[in-house]
């Protein structure tokens, strides 16, 4: 058996096939194909069977529990404890406020001190 190669003897020169090189090439190609398909999922794999089982289990759980969670809350058999009546709000309406909100005078503002250095960079 011979294969066509471009190295040695010019274009189209025939080279003998070396079984070790052929096995290495096949092995390299197999690894390359496996790496290309690393993120693909086989639907017939054991992982997918387990994944489908857990997904269907979660789906049936949701199917049975959701109606019970969505129903109205149960009625109380004992009366709720009485709360104290809320105190009436005695604040004047917004338009009736004439006094400022601050009751103490604001502290006086101080002048900023000049910087200690000159900005001339000569």
N, C-alpha and C. Protein backbone atom coordinates (compact mmCIF):
# COMPACT_ATOMS: atom_id res chain seq x y z
N UNK A 1 0.84 -1.17 0.00
CA UNK A 1 0.00 0.00 0.00
C UNK A 1 0.88 1.23 0.00
N UNK A 2 0.42 2.25 -0.72
CA UNK A 2 1.17 3.48 -0.77
C UNK A 2 0.18 4.64 -0.65
N UNK A 3 0.67 5.75 -0.13
CA UNK A 3 -0.16 6.95 -0.06
C UNK A 3 0.56 8.08 -0.74
N UNK A 4 -0.20 9.05 -1.19
CA UNK A 4 0.37 10.21 -1.87
C UNK A 4 0.73 11.25 -0.82
N UNK A 5 1.96 11.75 -0.90
CA UNK A 5 2.41 12.77 0.03
C UNK A 5 3.05 13.91 -0.73
N UNK A 6 3.16 15.05 -0.09
CA UNK A 6 3.77 16.20 -0.75
C UNK A 6 5.20 16.40 -0.31
N UNK A 7 5.58 15.83 0.81
CA UNK A 7 6.97 16.02 1.22
C UNK A 7 7.87 14.99 0.54
N UNK A 8 9.09 15.34 0.37
CA UNK A 8 10.05 14.47 -0.31
C UNK A 8 9.70 14.35 -1.78
N UNK A 9 10.29 14.01 -2.65
CA UNK A 9 10.07 13.74 -4.04
C UNK A 9 9.14 14.66 -4.81
N UNK A 10 8.72 15.78 -4.28
CA UNK A 10 7.87 16.71 -5.03
C UNK A 10 6.40 16.38 -4.88
N UNK A 11 5.59 17.14 -5.60
CA UNK A 11 4.15 16.97 -5.51
C UNK A 11 3.74 15.65 -6.14
N UNK A 12 2.87 14.95 -5.45
CA UNK A 12 2.36 13.71 -6.01
C UNK A 12 3.28 12.52 -5.81
N UNK A 13 4.32 12.65 -5.00
CA UNK A 13 5.22 11.52 -4.78
C UNK A 13 4.53 10.49 -3.89
N UNK A 14 4.78 9.23 -4.13
CA UNK A 14 4.19 8.16 -3.34
C UNK A 14 5.08 7.81 -2.16
N UNK A 15 4.43 7.63 -0.97
CA UNK A 15 5.16 7.23 0.24
C UNK A 15 4.55 5.93 0.73
N UNK A 16 5.35 5.08 1.27
CA UNK A 16 4.78 3.83 1.82
C UNK A 16 3.99 4.13 3.10
N UNK A 17 2.95 3.37 3.32
CA UNK A 17 2.15 3.51 4.55
C UNK A 17 2.89 2.85 5.70
N UNK A 18 2.93 3.56 6.83
CA UNK A 18 3.56 3.01 8.04
C UNK A 18 2.44 2.72 9.03
N UNK A 19 2.28 1.48 9.46
CA UNK A 19 1.15 1.13 10.34
C UNK A 19 1.11 1.95 11.63
N UNK A 20 2.27 2.24 12.22
CA UNK A 20 2.29 3.00 13.47
C UNK A 20 1.77 4.43 13.26
N UNK A 21 2.17 5.04 12.14
CA UNK A 21 1.69 6.39 11.85
C UNK A 21 0.18 6.38 11.58
N UNK A 22 -0.28 5.35 10.88
CA UNK A 22 -1.70 5.24 10.58
C UNK A 22 -2.51 5.08 11.88
N UNK A 23 -2.02 4.26 12.81
CA UNK A 23 -2.70 4.09 14.09
C UNK A 23 -2.69 5.39 14.88
N UNK A 24 -1.58 6.11 14.84
CA UNK A 24 -1.50 7.39 15.55
C UNK A 24 -2.48 8.40 14.94
N UNK A 25 -2.58 8.41 13.61
CA UNK A 25 -3.52 9.32 12.95
C UNK A 25 -4.97 8.98 13.30
N UNK A 26 -5.29 7.70 13.33
CA UNK A 26 -6.65 7.27 13.68
C UNK A 26 -6.96 7.66 15.12
N UNK A 27 -5.98 7.46 16.01
CA UNK A 27 -6.16 7.80 17.42
C UNK A 27 -6.36 9.32 17.58
N UNK A 28 -5.56 10.11 16.86
CA UNK A 28 -5.68 11.57 16.91
C UNK A 28 -7.05 12.02 16.41
N UNK A 29 -7.51 11.42 15.32
CA UNK A 29 -8.81 11.76 14.76
C UNK A 29 -9.93 11.39 15.73
N UNK A 30 -9.81 10.24 16.38
CA UNK A 30 -10.81 9.82 17.36
C UNK A 30 -10.91 10.79 18.53
N UNK A 31 -9.74 11.24 19.05
CA UNK A 31 -9.74 12.23 20.14
C UNK A 31 -10.34 13.55 19.68
N UNK A 32 -10.05 13.94 18.47
CA UNK A 32 -10.57 15.21 17.94
C UNK A 32 -12.10 15.16 17.81
N UNK A 33 -12.62 14.06 17.32
CA UNK A 33 -14.07 13.90 17.21
C UNK A 33 -14.71 13.88 18.58
N UNK A 34 -14.09 13.19 19.55
CA UNK A 34 -14.63 13.13 20.90
C UNK A 34 -14.63 14.52 21.54
N UNK A 35 -13.58 15.29 21.33
CA UNK A 35 -13.52 16.64 21.90
C UNK A 35 -14.55 17.56 21.25
N UNK A 36 -14.82 17.37 19.97
CA UNK A 36 -15.82 18.19 19.30
C UNK A 36 -17.20 17.92 19.85
N UNK A 37 -17.46 16.69 20.27
CA UNK A 37 -18.77 16.29 20.77
C UNK A 37 -18.83 16.27 22.29
N UNK A 38 -17.90 16.95 22.96
CA UNK A 38 -17.84 16.88 24.42
C UNK A 38 -19.09 17.46 25.07
N UNK A 39 -19.74 18.45 24.48
CA UNK A 39 -20.88 19.09 25.10
C UNK A 39 -22.22 18.64 24.51
N UNK A 40 -22.19 17.62 23.67
CA UNK A 40 -23.43 17.08 23.13
C UNK A 40 -23.94 15.97 24.05
N UNK A 41 -25.25 15.86 24.18
CA UNK A 41 -25.84 14.83 25.02
C UNK A 41 -26.44 13.74 24.14
N UNK A 42 -26.16 12.52 24.51
CA UNK A 42 -26.73 11.39 23.80
C UNK A 42 -28.06 11.05 24.45
N UNK A 43 -29.16 11.10 23.72
CA UNK A 43 -30.46 10.84 24.34
C UNK A 43 -30.63 9.41 24.83
N UNK A 44 -29.79 8.50 24.40
CA UNK A 44 -29.89 7.11 24.83
C UNK A 44 -28.93 6.78 25.96
N UNK A 45 -28.22 7.77 26.49
CA UNK A 45 -27.22 7.50 27.53
C UNK A 45 -27.89 7.28 28.88
N UNK A 46 -27.14 6.69 29.80
CA UNK A 46 -27.64 6.43 31.16
C UNK A 46 -27.91 7.75 31.88
N UNK A 47 -27.08 8.74 31.66
CA UNK A 47 -27.27 10.06 32.28
C UNK A 47 -28.62 10.64 31.90
N UNK A 48 -28.99 10.53 30.63
CA UNK A 48 -30.26 11.10 30.17
C UNK A 48 -31.44 10.32 30.76
N UNK A 49 -31.29 9.02 30.97
CA UNK A 49 -32.36 8.24 31.59
C UNK A 49 -32.59 8.70 33.03
N UNK A 50 -31.49 8.91 33.75
CA UNK A 50 -31.59 9.38 35.14
C UNK A 50 -32.15 10.79 35.17
N UNK A 51 -31.69 11.66 34.27
CA UNK A 51 -32.18 13.04 34.20
C UNK A 51 -33.69 13.06 33.91
N UNK A 52 -34.13 12.24 32.98
CA UNK A 52 -35.56 12.18 32.66
C UNK A 52 -36.38 11.71 33.86
N UNK A 53 -35.86 10.73 34.59
CA UNK A 53 -36.57 10.22 35.77
C UNK A 53 -36.76 11.34 36.80
N UNK A 54 -35.70 12.08 37.13
CA UNK A 54 -35.82 13.14 38.13
C UNK A 54 -36.67 14.30 37.62
N UNK A 55 -36.58 14.61 36.36
CA UNK A 55 -37.39 15.69 35.80
C UNK A 55 -38.88 15.32 35.86
N UNK A 56 -39.21 14.10 35.49
CA UNK A 56 -40.61 13.67 35.56
C UNK A 56 -41.10 13.60 37.00
N UNK A 57 -40.23 13.19 37.92
CA UNK A 57 -40.60 13.16 39.34
C UNK A 57 -40.93 14.57 39.83
N UNK A 58 -40.10 15.55 39.48
CA UNK A 58 -40.35 16.94 39.88
C UNK A 58 -41.63 17.45 39.24
N UNK A 59 -41.89 17.07 38.00
CA UNK A 59 -43.11 17.50 37.32
C UNK A 59 -44.35 16.94 38.01
N UNK A 60 -44.35 15.65 38.36
CA UNK A 60 -45.50 15.06 39.04
C UNK A 60 -45.68 15.64 40.44
N UNK A 61 -44.58 15.91 41.13
CA UNK A 61 -44.67 16.55 42.44
C UNK A 61 -45.37 17.91 42.31
N UNK A 62 -44.92 18.71 41.35
CA UNK A 62 -45.53 20.03 41.13
C UNK A 62 -46.99 19.87 40.75
N UNK A 63 -47.30 18.89 39.93
CA UNK A 63 -48.67 18.65 39.48
C UNK A 63 -49.59 18.33 40.65
N UNK A 64 -49.11 17.62 41.65
CA UNK A 64 -49.97 17.23 42.77
C UNK A 64 -49.98 18.26 43.89
N UNK A 65 -48.90 18.98 44.12
CA UNK A 65 -48.81 19.89 45.26
C UNK A 65 -49.40 21.26 44.94
N UNK A 66 -49.28 21.74 43.73
CA UNK A 66 -49.72 23.10 43.38
C UNK A 66 -51.19 23.35 43.68
N UNK A 67 -52.13 22.46 43.36
CA UNK A 67 -53.53 22.76 43.69
C UNK A 67 -53.77 22.93 45.19
N UNK A 68 -53.07 22.18 46.01
CA UNK A 68 -53.24 22.31 47.46
C UNK A 68 -52.66 23.62 47.97
N UNK A 69 -51.56 24.07 47.38
CA UNK A 69 -50.97 25.33 47.81
C UNK A 69 -51.78 26.52 47.31
N UNK A 70 -52.47 26.38 46.21
CA UNK A 70 -53.21 27.50 45.61
C UNK A 70 -54.61 27.67 46.21
N UNK A 71 -55.10 26.70 46.97
CA UNK A 71 -56.45 26.83 47.51
C UNK A 71 -56.49 27.92 48.57
N UNK A 72 -57.72 28.29 48.98
CA UNK A 72 -57.89 29.33 49.98
C UNK A 72 -57.33 28.87 51.33
N UNK A 73 -56.85 29.81 52.15
CA UNK A 73 -56.31 29.41 53.45
C UNK A 73 -57.43 28.85 54.34
N UNK A 74 -57.11 27.98 55.28
CA UNK A 74 -58.16 27.38 56.12
C UNK A 74 -58.80 28.43 57.03
N UNK A 75 -60.08 28.19 57.38
CA UNK A 75 -60.77 29.09 58.29
C UNK A 75 -60.27 28.86 59.70
N UNK A 76 -60.24 29.94 60.48
CA UNK A 76 -59.83 29.82 61.88
C UNK A 76 -61.00 29.27 62.70
N UNK A 77 -60.68 28.40 63.63
CA UNK A 77 -61.72 27.88 64.51
C UNK A 77 -61.85 28.75 65.75
N UNK A 78 -60.79 29.45 66.12
CA UNK A 78 -60.85 30.36 67.26
C UNK A 78 -60.79 31.78 66.73
N UNK A 79 -61.45 32.71 67.43
CA UNK A 79 -61.41 34.09 66.94
C UNK A 79 -60.01 34.68 67.07
N UNK A 80 -59.71 35.59 66.18
CA UNK A 80 -58.41 36.25 66.21
C UNK A 80 -58.36 37.17 67.43
N UNK A 81 -57.18 37.37 68.02
CA UNK A 81 -57.08 38.27 69.16
C UNK A 81 -57.44 39.69 68.75
N UNK A 82 -58.13 40.41 69.64
CA UNK A 82 -58.54 41.78 69.33
C UNK A 82 -57.35 42.70 69.46
N UNK A 83 -57.25 43.58 68.52
CA UNK A 83 -56.18 44.59 68.56
C UNK A 83 -56.76 45.89 69.09
N UNK A 84 -55.87 46.70 69.63
CA UNK A 84 -56.31 48.00 70.10
C UNK A 84 -56.71 48.84 68.89
N UNK A 85 -57.71 49.68 69.09
CA UNK A 85 -58.17 50.54 68.00
C UNK A 85 -57.06 51.52 67.63
N UNK A 86 -56.87 51.80 66.36
CA UNK A 86 -55.81 52.75 65.98
C UNK A 86 -56.16 54.16 66.44
N UNK A 87 -55.14 54.90 66.84
CA UNK A 87 -55.34 56.28 67.26
C UNK A 87 -55.61 57.15 66.04
N UNK A 88 -56.49 58.13 66.20
CA UNK A 88 -56.77 58.99 65.04
C UNK A 88 -55.56 59.84 64.69
N UNK A 89 -55.38 60.11 63.43
CA UNK A 89 -54.26 60.91 62.95
C UNK A 89 -54.62 62.38 63.15
N UNK A 90 -53.81 63.10 63.91
CA UNK A 90 -54.15 64.48 64.26
C UNK A 90 -53.33 65.52 63.49
N UNK A 91 -52.55 65.10 62.57
CA UNK A 91 -51.73 66.07 61.84
C UNK A 91 -52.60 66.90 60.92
N UNK A 92 -52.17 68.13 60.74
CA UNK A 92 -52.92 69.03 59.84
C UNK A 92 -52.68 68.60 58.41
N UNK A 93 -53.61 68.89 57.55
CA UNK A 93 -53.38 68.56 56.14
C UNK A 93 -52.16 69.29 55.59
N UNK A 94 -51.64 68.79 54.52
CA UNK A 94 -50.41 69.33 53.95
C UNK A 94 -50.53 70.81 53.61
N UNK A 95 -51.66 71.23 53.07
CA UNK A 95 -51.80 72.63 52.65
C UNK A 95 -51.92 73.57 53.85
N UNK A 96 -52.22 73.04 55.05
CA UNK A 96 -52.39 73.91 56.22
C UNK A 96 -51.08 74.15 56.96
N UNK A 97 -50.02 73.46 56.59
CA UNK A 97 -48.74 73.64 57.30
C UNK A 97 -48.13 74.97 56.90
N UNK A 98 -47.85 75.78 57.89
CA UNK A 98 -47.21 77.06 57.61
C UNK A 98 -45.86 77.16 58.28
N UNK A 99 -45.64 76.40 59.33
CA UNK A 99 -44.37 76.47 60.04
C UNK A 99 -43.34 75.59 59.34
N UNK A 100 -42.08 76.02 59.35
CA UNK A 100 -41.05 75.16 58.75
C UNK A 100 -40.88 73.90 59.57
N UNK A 101 -40.39 72.87 58.93
CA UNK A 101 -40.21 71.60 59.62
C UNK A 101 -39.09 71.66 60.67
N UNK A 102 -38.03 72.39 60.41
CA UNK A 102 -36.90 72.44 61.33
C UNK A 102 -37.28 73.36 62.49
N UNK A 103 -37.14 72.87 63.71
CA UNK A 103 -37.47 73.67 64.89
C UNK A 103 -36.25 74.33 65.48
N UNK A 104 -35.06 73.79 65.22
CA UNK A 104 -33.83 74.41 65.71
C UNK A 104 -33.13 75.04 64.52
N UNK A 105 -32.43 76.16 64.75
CA UNK A 105 -31.75 76.80 63.62
C UNK A 105 -30.61 75.93 63.10
N UNK A 106 -30.34 76.04 61.84
CA UNK A 106 -29.25 75.29 61.22
C UNK A 106 -27.93 75.85 61.71
N UNK A 107 -26.90 75.03 61.86
CA UNK A 107 -25.60 75.55 62.28
C UNK A 107 -25.04 76.49 61.22
N UNK A 108 -24.32 77.52 61.65
CA UNK A 108 -23.78 78.46 60.66
C UNK A 108 -22.74 77.80 59.78
N UNK A 109 -22.68 78.20 58.53
CA UNK A 109 -21.68 77.65 57.60
C UNK A 109 -20.38 78.40 57.79
N UNK A 110 -19.30 77.67 57.77
CA UNK A 110 -17.98 78.28 57.91
C UNK A 110 -17.34 78.38 56.55
N UNK A 111 -16.52 79.40 56.39
CA UNK A 111 -15.82 79.57 55.11
C UNK A 111 -14.71 78.54 55.02
N UNK A 112 -14.45 78.11 53.82
CA UNK A 112 -13.37 77.13 53.62
C UNK A 112 -12.03 77.80 53.72
N UNK A 113 -11.10 77.15 54.37
CA UNK A 113 -9.75 77.69 54.49
C UNK A 113 -9.04 77.54 53.15
N UNK A 114 -8.19 78.49 52.79
CA UNK A 114 -7.45 78.36 51.53
C UNK A 114 -6.47 77.21 51.62
N UNK A 115 -6.10 76.63 50.49
CA UNK A 115 -5.15 75.51 50.53
C UNK A 115 -3.77 75.98 50.98
N UNK A 116 -3.01 75.05 51.55
CA UNK A 116 -1.69 75.37 52.08
C UNK A 116 -0.63 75.48 51.01
N UNK A 117 -0.87 75.06 49.83
CA UNK A 117 0.14 75.07 48.78
C UNK A 117 -0.36 75.89 47.58
N UNK A 118 0.57 76.37 46.83
CA UNK A 118 0.22 77.08 45.59
C UNK A 118 0.03 76.09 44.47
N UNK A 119 -0.81 76.40 43.54
CA UNK A 119 -1.03 75.52 42.41
C UNK A 119 -0.08 75.81 41.25
N UNK A 120 0.77 76.84 41.39
CA UNK A 120 1.74 77.13 40.34
C UNK A 120 2.85 76.10 40.41
N UNK A 121 3.04 75.39 39.36
CA UNK A 121 4.08 74.37 39.32
C UNK A 121 5.21 74.86 38.43
N UNK A 122 5.93 75.84 38.92
CA UNK A 122 7.00 76.44 38.12
C UNK A 122 8.33 75.97 38.61
